[in-house]
Amino acid sequence: MENSLTGLFVPLITPFTADGRLAVGPLEALAYRVLDAGAAGLVALGTTAETPTLSSAERGTVLDICAAVCRERGAALIAGAGSNDTAASARALAELARWPEVTAALTVVPYYSRPGEAGVLAHFSHLAAASPVPLVLYHIPYRTGQPLSWQAICQLGELPGIAGIKHAVGGIDADTVHLMAGLPDGFSVLAGDDLFAPSLLALGAHGAIQASANVATAQFAAHVAAWRAGDLAGARAAGHRLSRLCAALFAGPNPTVIKAVLHAGGQIPSPQVRLPLLPASAGTTDSALRLLALAGSAAEEADPLNLRLATEPALIAR
């Protein structure tokens, strides 16, 4: 499982039509595009997908589409499943057996109830024992309200059935440094904060789950690959170049600006999001589009092939 949890994973947005319906064709096209641009796999039904606003039928359709695309491309598929209810999380994980293409489940640390580290360990022990696929813990304490020490994460990483973690703690803190220095064997760390992904990759993260990579996918994939290959100069340059773009894409609530940029580029039929989210403002959209253009220009100056990969994804397969 370790080898399939390396590289860039793109947590797909869910495109909607102007009247708010799931846009099936554009979702399929986006899934093909990011994989053909160099992503190692997809994340379906994550936060970026506005999953809480999707009906059960829509969630099934999203998984059907992503599973078919990943099967055809031979790519990994991580599916979001789980909540702060252990029993309901176990049922959601069991349902993933319907999609054999799912290689792992992204399962959030129990939120709001703040069960403590012992409760989190019990929660994931129960889920991992019954899940049809390995778990990727989703650690995002500024959303869940439940911090975890590096010792607790390592303890979780020793559990059978837990393959890795999406680490999104809002920065690089002391626990992150200690975690990266003492990872359990076979336990993958995926950077989950777009802005801090370069720093975590520099510490040895195996890859990243980056919402920003819904746009400029080839550049983000090349950035992760550079760190993995030990190309320190190239990785640093790419990280600096992409950091401003990441900040602009997160200037509004995720994924509002990303959707606006994709719509402006003609890749999805509308920038629509579902309440309680509101569409991105014209100002934040324009800023992100300017930085996207600058990132492309800088990439071309650094390496002419980079911009060609961003605009001609079919080159990746050659």
C-alpha atoms as a PDB file:
ATOM      1  CA  MET A   1       0.000   0.000   0.000  1.00  0.00           C
ATOM      2  CA  GLU A   2       2.923   2.358   0.658  1.00  0.00           C
ATOM      3  CA  ASN A   3       3.806   2.669  -3.013  1.00  0.00           C
ATOM      4  CA  SER A   4       0.260   3.669  -3.955  1.00  0.00           C
ATOM      5  CA  LEU A   5       0.295   6.480  -1.384  1.00  0.00           C
ATOM      6  CA  THR A   6       3.060   8.522  -2.960  1.00  0.00           C
ATOM      7  CA  GLY A   7       2.868  11.469  -5.314  1.00  0.00           C
ATOM      8  CA  LEU A   8       0.140  14.008  -5.926  1.00  0.00           C
ATOM      9  CA  PHE A   9      -3.488  13.206  -5.191  1.00  0.00           C
ATOM     10  CA  VAL A  10      -6.111  15.671  -6.385  1.00  0.00           C
ATOM     11  CA  PRO A  11      -9.244  16.089  -4.240  1.00  0.00           C
ATOM     12  CA  LEU A  12     -11.738  16.793  -7.001  1.00  0.00           C
ATOM     13  CA  ILE A  13     -14.257  19.594  -6.859  1.00  0.00           C
ATOM     14  CA  THR A  14     -17.854  18.667  -7.671  1.00  0.00           C
ATOM     15  CA  PRO A  15     -18.942  20.726 -10.693  1.00  0.00           C
ATOM     16  CA  PHE A  16     -22.532  21.920 -10.799  1.00  0.00           C
ATOM     17  CA  THR A  17     -24.654  23.275 -13.605  1.00  0.00           C
ATOM     18  CA  ALA A  18     -25.935  26.837 -13.418  1.00  0.00           C
ATOM     19  CA  ASP A  19     -29.137  25.560 -11.828  1.00  0.00           C
ATOM     20  CA  GLY A  20     -27.237  23.540  -9.213  1.00  0.00           C
ATOM     21  CA  ARG A  21     -27.356  19.995 -10.586  1.00  0.00           C
ATOM     22  CA  LEU A  22     -24.360  17.641 -10.584  1.00  0.00           C
ATOM     23  CA  ALA A  23     -22.467  18.151 -13.850  1.00  0.00           C
ATOM     24  CA  VAL A  24     -21.540  14.569 -14.705  1.00  0.00           C
ATOM     25  CA  GLY A  25     -19.657  15.121 -17.966  1.00  0.00           C
ATOM     26  CA  PRO A  26     -17.424  17.916 -16.650  1.00  0.00           C
ATOM     27  CA  LEU A  27     -16.596  15.860 -13.539  1.00  0.00           C
ATOM     28  CA  GLU A  28     -15.469  12.948 -15.696  1.00  0.00           C
ATOM     29  CA  ALA A  29     -13.443  15.272 -17.947  1.00  0.00           C
ATOM     30  CA  LEU A  30     -11.770  16.879 -14.923  1.00  0.00           C
ATOM     31  CA  ALA A  31     -10.878  13.466 -13.496  1.00  0.00           C
ATOM     32  CA  TYR A  32      -9.221  12.419 -16.761  1.00  0.00           C
ATOM     33  CA  ARG A  33      -7.451  15.769 -17.083  1.00  0.00           C
ATOM     34  CA  VAL A  34      -5.753  15.745 -13.687  1.00  0.00           C
ATOM     35  CA  LEU A  35      -4.601  12.150 -14.060  1.00  0.00           C
ATOM     36  CA  ASP A  36      -3.294  12.767 -17.562  1.00  0.00           C
ATOM     37  CA  ALA A  37      -1.444  15.819 -16.209  1.00  0.00           C
ATOM     38  CA  GLY A  38       0.564  13.693 -13.801  1.00  0.00           C
ATOM     39  CA  ALA A  39      -1.495  13.142 -10.649  1.00  0.00           C
ATOM     40  CA  ALA A  40      -0.937   9.742  -9.022  1.00  0.00           C
ATOM     41  CA  GLY A  41      -4.570   9.458  -8.046  1.00  0.00           C
ATOM     42  CA  LEU A  42      -7.859  11.080  -7.151  1.00  0.00           C
ATOM     43  CA  VAL A  43      -9.577  11.842  -3.878  1.00  0.00           C
ATOM     44  CA  ALA A  44     -13.348  11.603  -4.223  1.00  0.00           C
ATOM     45  CA  LEU A  45     -15.830  13.016  -1.731  1.00  0.00           C
ATOM     46  CA  GLY A  46     -13.424  15.136   0.273  1.00  0.00           C
ATOM     47  CA  THR A  47     -14.016  18.591   1.721  1.00  0.00           C
ATOM     48  CA  THR A  48     -13.198  20.155  -1.653  1.00  0.00           C
ATOM     49  CA  ALA A  49     -16.061  18.152  -3.179  1.00  0.00           C
ATOM     50  CA  GLU A  50     -18.635  19.858  -0.897  1.00  0.00           C
ATOM     51  CA  THR A  51     -19.562  16.342   0.171  1.00  0.00           C
ATOM     52  CA  PRO A  52     -21.927  17.312   3.028  1.00  0.00           C
ATOM     53  CA  THR A  53     -24.160  19.031   0.472  1.00  0.00           C
ATOM     54  CA  LEU A  54     -24.373  16.030  -1.865  1.00  0.00           C
ATOM     55  CA  SER A  55     -27.260  13.600  -1.744  1.00  0.00           C
ATOM     56  CA  SER A  56     -26.605   9.892  -1.299  1.00  0.00           C
ATOM     57  CA  ALA A  57     -27.373   9.355  -4.986  1.00  0.00           C
ATOM     58  CA  GLU A  58     -24.964  12.123  -5.996  1.00  0.00           C
ATOM     59  CA  ARG A  59     -22.208  10.675  -3.845  1.00  0.00           C
ATOM     60  CA  GLY A  60     -22.712   7.324  -5.529  1.00  0.00           C
ATOM     61  CA  THR A  61     -22.523   8.934  -8.960  1.00  0.00           C
ATOM     62  CA  VAL A  62     -19.294  10.734  -8.063  1.00  0.00           C
ATOM     63  CA  LEU A  63     -17.738   7.452  -6.948  1.00  0.00           C
ATOM     64  CA  ASP A  64     -18.982   5.666 -10.060  1.00  0.00           C
ATOM     65  CA  ILE A  65     -17.315   8.257 -12.280  1.00  0.00           C
ATOM     66  CA  CYS A  66     -14.045   8.416 -10.363  1.00  0.00           C
ATOM     67  CA  ALA A  67     -13.821   4.634 -10.117  1.00  0.00           C
ATOM     68  CA  ALA A  68     -14.295   4.204 -13.860  1.00  0.00           C
ATOM     69  CA  VAL A  69     -11.670   6.842 -14.678  1.00  0.00           C
ATOM     70  CA  CYS A  70      -9.133   5.432 -12.208  1.00  0.00           C
ATOM     71  CA  ARG A  71      -9.721   1.904 -13.491  1.00  0.00           C
ATOM     72  CA  GLU A  72      -9.073   3.021 -17.056  1.00  0.00           C
ATOM     73  CA  ARG A  73      -5.971   5.026 -16.134  1.00  0.00           C
ATOM     74  CA  GLY A  74      -4.632   2.522 -13.586  1.00  0.00           C
ATOM     75  CA  ALA A  75      -4.629   5.230 -10.916  1.00  0.00           C
ATOM     76  CA  ALA A  76      -5.255   5.135  -7.180  1.00  0.00           C
ATOM     77  CA  LEU A  77      -8.604   6.248  -5.794  1.00  0.00           C
ATOM     78  CA  ILE A  78      -9.018   7.500  -2.231  1.00  0.00           C
ATOM     79  CA  ALA A  79     -12.616   7.953  -1.111  1.00  0.00           C
ATOM     80  CA  GLY A  80     -13.763  10.152   1.742  1.00  0.00           C
ATOM     81  CA  ALA A  81     -15.819   8.219   4.295  1.00  0.00           C
ATOM     82  CA  GLY A  82     -16.427   8.763   7.982  1.00  0.00           C
ATOM     83  CA  SER A  83     -17.627  11.267  10.563  1.00  0.00           C
ATOM     84  CA  ASN A  84     -17.547  11.744  14.346  1.00  0.00           C
ATOM     85  CA  ASP A  85     -19.964   8.815  14.741  1.00  0.00           C
ATOM     86  CA  THR A  86     -17.991   5.561  14.894  1.00  0.00           C
ATOM     87  CA  ALA A  87     -20.902   3.282  14.030  1.00  0.00           C
ATOM     88  CA  ALA A  88     -22.001   5.443  11.084  1.00  0.00           C
ATOM     89  CA  SER A  89     -18.390   5.662   9.903  1.00  0.00           C
ATOM     90  CA  ALA A  90     -18.119   1.874   9.922  1.00  0.00           C
ATOM     91  CA  ARG A  91     -21.247   1.640   7.770  1.00  0.00           C
ATOM     92  CA  ALA A  92     -19.923   4.254   5.338  1.00  0.00           C
ATOM     93  CA  LEU A  93     -16.636   2.384   5.017  1.00  0.00           C
ATOM     94  CA  ALA A  94     -18.423  -0.921   4.450  1.00  0.00           C
ATOM     95  CA  GLU A  95     -20.295   0.635   1.517  1.00  0.00           C
ATOM     96  CA  LEU A  96     -16.994   1.308  -0.262  1.00  0.00           C
ATOM     97  CA  ALA A  97     -16.790  -2.400  -1.044  1.00  0.00           C
ATOM     98  CA  ARG A  98     -19.184  -1.604  -3.917  1.00  0.00           C
ATOM     99  CA  TRP A  99     -16.271   0.117  -5.689  1.00  0.00           C
ATOM    100  CA  PRO A 100     -13.288  -2.262  -5.928  1.00  0.00           C
ATOM    101  CA  GLU A 101     -11.243   0.546  -7.490  1.00  0.00           C
ATOM    102  CA  VAL A 102     -11.130   2.345  -4.128  1.00  0.00           C
ATOM    103  CA  THR A 103      -7.634   1.783  -2.743  1.00  0.00           C
ATOM    104  CA  ALA A 104      -8.001   3.689   0.545  1.00  0.00           C
ATOM    105  CA  ALA A 105     -10.503   5.677   2.579  1.00  0.00           C
ATOM    106  CA  LEU A 106      -9.825   9.198   3.807  1.00  0.00           C
ATOM    107  CA  THR A 107     -11.343   9.167   7.295  1.00  0.00           C
ATOM    108  CA  VAL A 108     -11.420  12.273   9.440  1.00  0.00           C
ATOM    109  CA  VAL A 109     -10.376  12.427  13.081  1.00  0.00           C
ATOM    110  CA  PRO A 110     -13.664  12.630  15.047  1.00  0.00           C
ATOM    111  CA  TYR A 111     -14.690  16.265  15.150  1.00  0.00           C
ATOM    112  CA  TYR A 112     -16.664  18.505  17.496  1.00  0.00           C
ATOM    113  CA  SER A 113     -17.118  15.889  20.240  1.00  0.00           C
ATOM    114  CA  ARG A 114     -13.339  16.000  20.952  1.00  0.00           C
ATOM    115  CA  PRO A 115     -13.033  12.449  22.340  1.00  0.00           C
ATOM    116  CA  GLY A 116      -9.378  12.807  23.367  1.00  0.00           C
ATOM    117  CA  GLU A 117      -6.458  10.814  22.036  1.00  0.00           C
ATOM    118  CA  ALA A 118      -7.612   7.596  23.702  1.00  0.00           C
ATOM    119  CA  GLY A 119     -11.037   7.987  22.091  1.00  0.00           C
ATOM    120  CA  VAL A 120      -9.486   8.674  18.688  1.00  0.00           C
ATOM    121  CA  LEU A 121      -7.353   5.542  19.022  1.00  0.00           C
ATOM    122  CA  ALA A 122     -10.409   3.467  19.938  1.00  0.00           C
ATOM    123  CA  HIS A 123     -12.395   4.988  17.057  1.00  0.00           C
ATOM    124  CA  PHE A 124      -9.790   4.131  14.436  1.00  0.00           C
ATOM    125  CA  SER A 125      -9.002   0.741  15.926  1.00  0.00           C
ATOM    126  CA  HIS A 126     -12.663  -0.183  15.512  1.00  0.00           C
ATOM    127  CA  LEU A 127     -12.869   1.181  11.965  1.00  0.00           C
ATOM    128  CA  ALA A 128      -9.605  -0.290  10.715  1.00  0.00           C
ATOM    129  CA  ALA A 129     -10.547  -3.749  11.926  1.00  0.00           C
ATOM    130  CA  ALA A 130     -13.679  -3.837   9.782  1.00  0.00           C
ATOM    131  CA  SER A 131     -12.929  -1.564   6.807  1.00  0.00           C
ATOM    132  CA  PRO A 132     -12.700  -3.210   3.372  1.00  0.00           C
ATOM    133  CA  VAL A 133      -9.862  -0.812   2.450  1.00  0.00           C
ATOM    134  CA  PRO A 134      -6.914   0.709   4.341  1.00  0.00           C
ATOM    135  CA  LEU A 135      -7.528   4.019   6.086  1.00  0.00           C
ATOM    136  CA  VAL A 136      -5.811   7.346   5.543  1.00  0.00           C
ATOM    137  CA  LEU A 137      -6.341   9.432   8.668  1.00  0.00           C
ATOM    138  CA  TYR A 138      -7.421  12.999   8.032  1.00  0.00           C
ATOM    139  CA  HIS A 139      -5.826  15.128  10.740  1.00  0.00           C
ATOM    140  CA  ILE A 140      -7.009  18.721  10.564  1.00  0.00           C
ATOM    141  CA  PRO A 141      -7.306  19.992  14.140  1.00  0.00           C
ATOM    142  CA  TYR A 142      -8.311  23.561  13.267  1.00  0.00           C
ATOM    143  CA  ARG A 143     -11.512  22.086  11.805  1.00  0.00           C
ATOM    144  CA  THR A 144     -12.074  19.115  14.117  1.00  0.00           C
ATOM    145  CA  GLY A 145     -11.096  20.689  17.439  1.00  0.00           C
ATOM    146  CA  GLN A 146      -9.183  17.491  18.261  1.00  0.00           C
ATOM    147  CA  PRO A 147      -5.369  17.825  18.353  1.00  0.00           C
ATOM    148  CA  LEU A 148      -3.146  14.763  18.250  1.00  0.00           C
ATOM    149  CA  SER A 149       0.419  14.474  19.498  1.00  0.00           C
ATOM    150  CA  TRP A 150       3.060  12.936  17.283  1.00  0.00           C
ATOM    151  CA  GLN A 151       3.178   9.975  19.667  1.00  0.00           C
ATOM    152  CA  ALA A 152      -0.571   9.391  19.189  1.00  0.00           C
ATOM    153  CA  ILE A 153      -0.227   9.574  15.411  1.00  0.00           C
ATOM    154  CA  CYS A 154       2.618   7.060  15.458  1.00  0.00           C
ATOM    155  CA  GLN A 155       0.530   4.786  17.655  1.00  0.00           C
ATOM    156  CA  LEU A 156      -2.301   5.011  15.148  1.00  0.00           C
ATOM    157  CA  GLY A 157       0.167   4.345  12.339  1.00  0.00           C
ATOM    158  CA  GLU A 158       1.132   1.043  13.926  1.00  0.00           C
ATOM    159  CA  LEU A 159      -2.445  -0.251  13.693  1.00  0.00           C
ATOM    160  CA  PRO A 160      -3.101  -2.838  10.977  1.00  0.00           C
ATOM    161  CA  GLY A 161      -5.297  -1.340   8.298  1.00  0.00           C
ATOM    162  CA  ILE A 162      -4.051   2.248   8.678  1.00  0.00           C
ATOM    163  CA  ALA A 163      -1.876   3.178   5.717  1.00  0.00           C
ATOM    164  CA  GLY A 164      -1.161   6.855   6.189  1.00  0.00           C
ATOM    165  CA  ILE A 165      -2.287  10.318   7.139  1.00  0.00           C
ATOM    166  CA  LYS A 166      -3.367  13.510   5.445  1.00  0.00           C
ATOM    167  CA  HIS A 167      -1.518  15.922   7.698  1.00  0.00           C
ATOM    168  CA  ALA A 168      -3.078  19.386   7.762  1.00  0.00           C
ATOM    169  CA  VAL A 169      -2.262  21.119  11.028  1.00  0.00           C
ATOM    170  CA  GLY A 170      -1.959  24.650   9.640  1.00  0.00           C
ATOM    171  CA  GLY A 171       1.821  24.840   9.631  1.00  0.00           C
ATOM    172  CA  ILE A 172       4.980  22.969  10.552  1.00  0.00           C
ATOM    173  CA  ASP A 173       4.968  22.611  14.334  1.00  0.00           C
ATOM    174  CA  ALA A 174       7.179  20.655  16.716  1.00  0.00           C
ATOM    175  CA  ASP A 175       4.884  17.621  16.604  1.00  0.00           C
ATOM    176  CA  THR A 176       5.154  17.565  12.813  1.00  0.00           C
ATOM    177  CA  VAL A 177       8.951  17.602  12.988  1.00  0.00           C
ATOM    178  CA  HIS A 178       8.987  14.774  15.538  1.00  0.00           C
ATOM    179  CA  LEU A 179       6.443  12.787  13.518  1.00  0.00           C
ATOM    180  CA  MET A 180       8.524  12.976  10.349  1.00  0.00           C
ATOM    181  CA  ALA A 181      11.597  11.840  12.275  1.00  0.00           C
ATOM    182  CA  GLY A 182       9.935   8.719  13.654  1.00  0.00           C
ATOM    183  CA  LEU A 183       7.356   7.394  11.198  1.00  0.00           C
ATOM    184  CA  PRO A 184       6.190   3.780  11.568  1.00  0.00           C
ATOM    185  CA  ASP A 185       7.299   1.500   8.738  1.00  0.00           C
ATOM    186  CA  GLY A 186       4.917   1.599   5.784  1.00  0.00           C
ATOM    187  CA  PHE A 187       3.059   4.668   7.062  1.00  0.00           C
ATOM    188  CA  SER A 188       2.703   7.415   4.452  1.00  0.00           C
ATOM    189  CA  VAL A 189       2.392  11.113   5.189  1.00  0.00           C
ATOM    190  CA  LEU A 190       0.525  13.215   2.631  1.00  0.00           C
ATOM    191  CA  ALA A 191       0.732  16.993   2.952  1.00  0.00           C
ATOM    192  CA  GLY A 192      -2.784  18.360   3.346  1.00  0.00           C
ATOM    193  CA  ASP A 193      -2.241  22.118   3.710  1.00  0.00           C
ATOM    194  CA  ASP A 194      -1.582  23.476   0.233  1.00  0.00           C
ATOM    195  CA  LEU A 195       0.479  26.435   1.419  1.00  0.00           C
ATOM    196  CA  PHE A 196       2.710  24.309   3.673  1.00  0.00           C
ATOM    197  CA  ALA A 197       3.050  21.313   1.360  1.00  0.00           C
ATOM    198  CA  PRO A 198       6.567  22.290   0.207  1.00  0.00           C
ATOM    199  CA  SER A 199       7.775  22.396   3.812  1.00  0.00           C
ATOM    200  CA  LEU A 200       6.314  19.011   4.649  1.00  0.00           C
ATOM    201  CA  LEU A 201       7.667  17.499   1.440  1.00  0.00           C
ATOM    202  CA  ALA A 202      11.084  18.856   2.382  1.00  0.00           C
ATOM    203  CA  LEU A 203      10.788  16.974   5.676  1.00  0.00           C
ATOM    204  CA  GLY A 204      10.117  13.737   3.798  1.00  0.00           C
ATOM    205  CA  ALA A 205       6.364  13.556   3.158  1.00  0.00           C
ATOM    206  CA  HIS A 206       5.480  10.876   0.629  1.00  0.00           C
ATOM    207  CA  GLY A 207       3.181  13.123  -1.385  1.00  0.00           C
ATOM    208  CA  ALA A 208       0.368  15.614  -1.119  1.00  0.00           C
ATOM    209  CA  ILE A 209      -3.400  15.941  -1.294  1.00  0.00           C
ATOM    210  CA  GLN A 210      -3.751  19.432  -2.747  1.00  0.00           C
ATOM    211  CA  ALA A 211      -7.018  21.087  -3.712  1.00  0.00           C
ATOM    212  CA  SER A 212      -5.089  23.755  -5.629  1.00  0.00           C
ATOM    213  CA  ALA A 213      -4.006  21.028  -8.044  1.00  0.00           C
ATOM    214  CA  ASN A 214      -7.462  21.056  -9.605  1.00  0.00           C
ATOM    215  CA  VAL A 215      -5.777  23.821 -11.616  1.00  0.00           C
ATOM    216  CA  ALA A 216      -2.182  23.770 -12.945  1.00  0.00           C
ATOM    217  CA  THR A 217      -2.087  20.067 -12.135  1.00  0.00           C
ATOM    218  CA  ALA A 218       1.086  19.380 -14.091  1.00  0.00           C
ATOM    219  CA  GLN A 219       3.002  22.018 -12.147  1.00  0.00           C
ATOM    220  CA  PHE A 220       1.892  20.655  -8.772  1.00  0.00           C
ATOM    221  CA  ALA A 221       2.679  17.089  -9.872  1.00  0.00           C
ATOM    222  CA  ALA A 222       6.132  18.161 -11.034  1.00  0.00           C
ATOM    223  CA  HIS A 223       6.718  19.918  -7.703  1.00  0.00           C
ATOM    224  CA  VAL A 224       5.939  16.772  -5.692  1.00  0.00           C
ATOM    225  CA  ALA A 225       8.000  14.650  -8.070  1.00  0.00           C
ATOM    226  CA  ALA A 226      10.983  16.989  -7.695  1.00  0.00           C
ATOM    227  CA  TRP A 227      11.038  16.555  -3.918  1.00  0.00           C
ATOM    228  CA  ARG A 228      10.640  12.798  -4.271  1.00  0.00           C
ATOM    229  CA  ALA A 229      13.522  12.661  -6.764  1.00  0.00           C
ATOM    230  CA  GLY A 230      15.838  14.774  -4.630  1.00  0.00           C
ATOM    231  CA  ASP A 231      15.885  17.695  -7.062  1.00  0.00           C
ATOM    232  CA  LEU A 232      16.162  20.239  -4.263  1.00  0.00           C
ATOM    233  CA  ALA A 233      16.780  23.311  -6.392  1.00  0.00           C
ATOM    234  CA  GLY A 234      13.901  22.522  -8.730  1.00  0.00           C
ATOM    235  CA  ALA A 235      11.586  21.620  -5.873  1.00  0.00           C
ATOM    236  CA  ARG A 236      12.324  24.831  -3.975  1.00  0.00           C
ATOM    237  CA  ALA A 237      11.815  26.981  -7.058  1.00  0.00           C
ATOM    238  CA  ALA A 238       8.510  25.270  -7.869  1.00  0.00           C
ATOM    239  CA  GLY A 239       7.334  25.536  -4.263  1.00  0.00           C
ATOM    240  CA  HIS A 240       8.030  29.267  -4.138  1.00  0.00           C
ATOM    241  CA  ARG A 241       6.330  29.757  -7.488  1.00  0.00           C
ATOM    242  CA  LEU A 242       3.196  27.844  -6.523  1.00  0.00           C
ATOM    243  CA  SER A 243       2.820  29.142  -2.960  1.00  0.00           C
ATOM    244  CA  ARG A 244       1.340  32.478  -4.041  1.00  0.00           C
ATOM    245  CA  LEU A 245      -1.092  30.668  -6.316  1.00  0.00           C
ATOM    246  CA  CYS A 246      -2.168  28.402  -3.441  1.00  0.00           C
ATOM    247  CA  ALA A 247      -2.758  31.430  -1.221  1.00  0.00           C
ATOM    248  CA  ALA A 248      -4.884  33.077  -3.915  1.00  0.00           C
ATOM    249  CA  LEU A 249      -6.943  29.926  -4.487  1.00  0.00           C
ATOM    250  CA  PHE A 250      -7.670  29.816  -0.748  1.00  0.00           C
ATOM    251  CA  ALA A 251      -8.469  33.534  -0.426  1.00  0.00           C
ATOM    252  CA  GLY A 252     -12.107  32.451  -0.155  1.00  0.00           C
ATOM    253  CA  PRO A 253     -13.623  29.340   1.420  1.00  0.00           C
ATOM    254  CA  ASN A 254     -12.525  26.148  -0.345  1.00  0.00           C
ATOM    255  CA  PRO A 255     -13.442  25.428  -3.160  1.00  0.00           C
ATOM    256  CA  THR A 256     -15.087  28.711  -4.181  1.00  0.00           C
ATOM    257  CA  VAL A 257     -12.076  30.345  -5.845  1.00  0.00           C
ATOM    258  CA  ILE A 258     -10.913  27.096  -7.424  1.00  0.00           C
ATOM    259  CA  LYS A 259     -14.328  26.650  -9.016  1.00  0.00           C
ATOM    260  CA  ALA A 260     -14.353  30.235 -10.259  1.00  0.00           C
ATOM    261  CA  VAL A 261     -10.944  29.756 -11.891  1.00  0.00           C
ATOM    262  CA  LEU A 262     -11.961  26.460 -13.495  1.00  0.00           C
ATOM    263  CA  HIS A 263     -15.129  28.088 -14.821  1.00  0.00           C
ATOM    264  CA  ALA A 264     -13.181  31.044 -16.199  1.00  0.00           C
ATOM    265  CA  GLY A 265     -10.995  28.540 -18.033  1.00  0.00           C
ATOM    266  CA  GLY A 266     -14.017  26.805 -19.545  1.00  0.00           C
ATOM    267  CA  GLN A 267     -13.450  23.545 -17.671  1.00  0.00           C
ATOM    268  CA  ILE A 268     -16.688  23.467 -15.682  1.00  0.00           C
ATOM    269  CA  PRO A 269     -20.102  24.854 -16.677  1.00  0.00           C
ATOM    270  CA  SER A 270     -20.519  27.232 -13.741  1.00  0.00           C
ATOM    271  CA  PRO A 271     -18.747  28.447 -10.603  1.00  0.00           C
ATOM    272  CA  GLN A 272     -21.752  27.373  -8.531  1.00  0.00           C
ATOM    273  CA  VAL A 273     -21.298  26.152  -4.966  1.00  0.00           C
ATOM    274  CA  ARG A 274     -23.986  25.045  -2.550  1.00  0.00           C
ATOM    275  CA  LEU A 275     -25.035  26.851   0.596  1.00  0.00           C
ATOM    276  CA  PRO A 276     -23.687  27.624   3.102  1.00  0.00           C
ATOM    277  CA  LEU A 277     -20.868  28.483   0.677  1.00  0.00           C
ATOM    278  CA  LEU A 278     -21.230  31.538  -1.548  1.00  0.00           C
ATOM    279  CA  PRO A 279     -19.498  32.029  -4.918  1.00  0.00           C
ATOM    280  CA  ALA A 280     -16.090  33.685  -4.963  1.00  0.00           C
ATOM    281  CA  SER A 281     -15.973  37.419  -5.501  1.00  0.00           C
ATOM    282  CA  ALA A 282     -14.791  38.892  -8.792  1.00  0.00           C
ATOM    283  CA  GLY A 283     -11.763  40.364  -7.028  1.00  0.00           C
ATOM    284  CA  THR A 284     -10.494  37.095  -5.552  1.00  0.00           C
ATOM    285  CA  THR A 285     -11.141  35.323  -8.851  1.00  0.00           C
ATOM    286  CA  ASP A 286      -9.219  37.912 -10.856  1.00  0.00           C
ATOM    287  CA  SER A 287      -6.287  37.777  -8.415  1.00  0.00           C
ATOM    288  CA  ALA A 288      -6.115  33.987  -8.681  1.00  0.00           C
ATOM    289  CA  LEU A 289      -6.270  34.123 -12.475  1.00  0.00           C
ATOM    290  CA  ARG A 290      -3.403  36.639 -12.569  1.00  0.00           C
ATOM    291  CA  LEU A 291      -1.257  34.476 -10.312  1.00  0.00           C
ATOM    292  CA  LEU A 292      -2.104  31.390 -12.351  1.00  0.00           C
ATOM    293  CA  ALA A 293      -0.839  33.166 -15.453  1.00  0.00           C
ATOM    294  CA  LEU A 294       2.300  34.304 -13.627  1.00  0.00           C
ATOM    295  CA  ALA A 295       2.956  30.783 -12.344  1.00  0.00           C
ATOM    296  CA  GLY A 296       2.732  29.480 -15.883  1.00  0.00           C
ATOM    297  CA  SER A 297       5.078  32.148 -17.204  1.00  0.00           C
ATOM    298  CA  ALA A 298       7.611  31.506 -14.448  1.00  0.00           C
ATOM    299  CA  ALA A 299       7.439  27.773 -15.077  1.00  0.00           C
ATOM    300  CA  GLU A 300       8.126  28.293 -18.767  1.00  0.00           C
ATOM    301  CA  GLU A 301      11.176  30.431 -17.983  1.00  0.00           C
ATOM    302  CA  ALA A 302      12.494  27.825 -15.543  1.00  0.00           C
ATOM    303  CA  ASP A 303      11.776  24.894 -17.827  1.00  0.00           C
ATOM    304  CA  PRO A 304       9.905  25.283 -21.148  1.00  0.00           C
ATOM    305  CA  LEU A 305       8.611  21.715 -20.822  1.00  0.00           C
ATOM    306  CA  ASN A 306       6.778  22.585 -17.598  1.00  0.00           C
ATOM    307  CA  LEU A 307       4.377  24.966 -19.325  1.00  0.00           C
ATOM    308  CA  ARG A 308       3.887  22.512 -22.167  1.00  0.00           C
ATOM    309  CA  LEU A 309       2.952  19.836 -19.607  1.00  0.00           C
ATOM    310  CA  ALA A 310       0.457  22.225 -18.058  1.00  0.00           C
ATOM    311  CA  THR A 311      -1.168  22.976 -21.410  1.00  0.00           C
ATOM    312  CA  GLU A 312      -0.598  19.667 -23.217  1.00  0.00           C
ATOM    313  CA  PRO A 313      -1.228  16.972 -20.595  1.00  0.00           C
ATOM    314  CA  ALA A 314      -0.984  14.181 -23.179  1.00  0.00           C
ATOM    315  CA  LEU A 315       2.796  14.721 -23.115  1.00  0.00           C
ATOM    316  CA  ILE A 316       2.918  13.118 -19.657  1.00  0.00           C
ATOM    317  CA  ALA A 317       2.065   9.734 -21.153  1.00  0.00           C
ATOM    318  CA  ARG A 318       4.864   9.851 -23.735  1.00  0.00           C
END
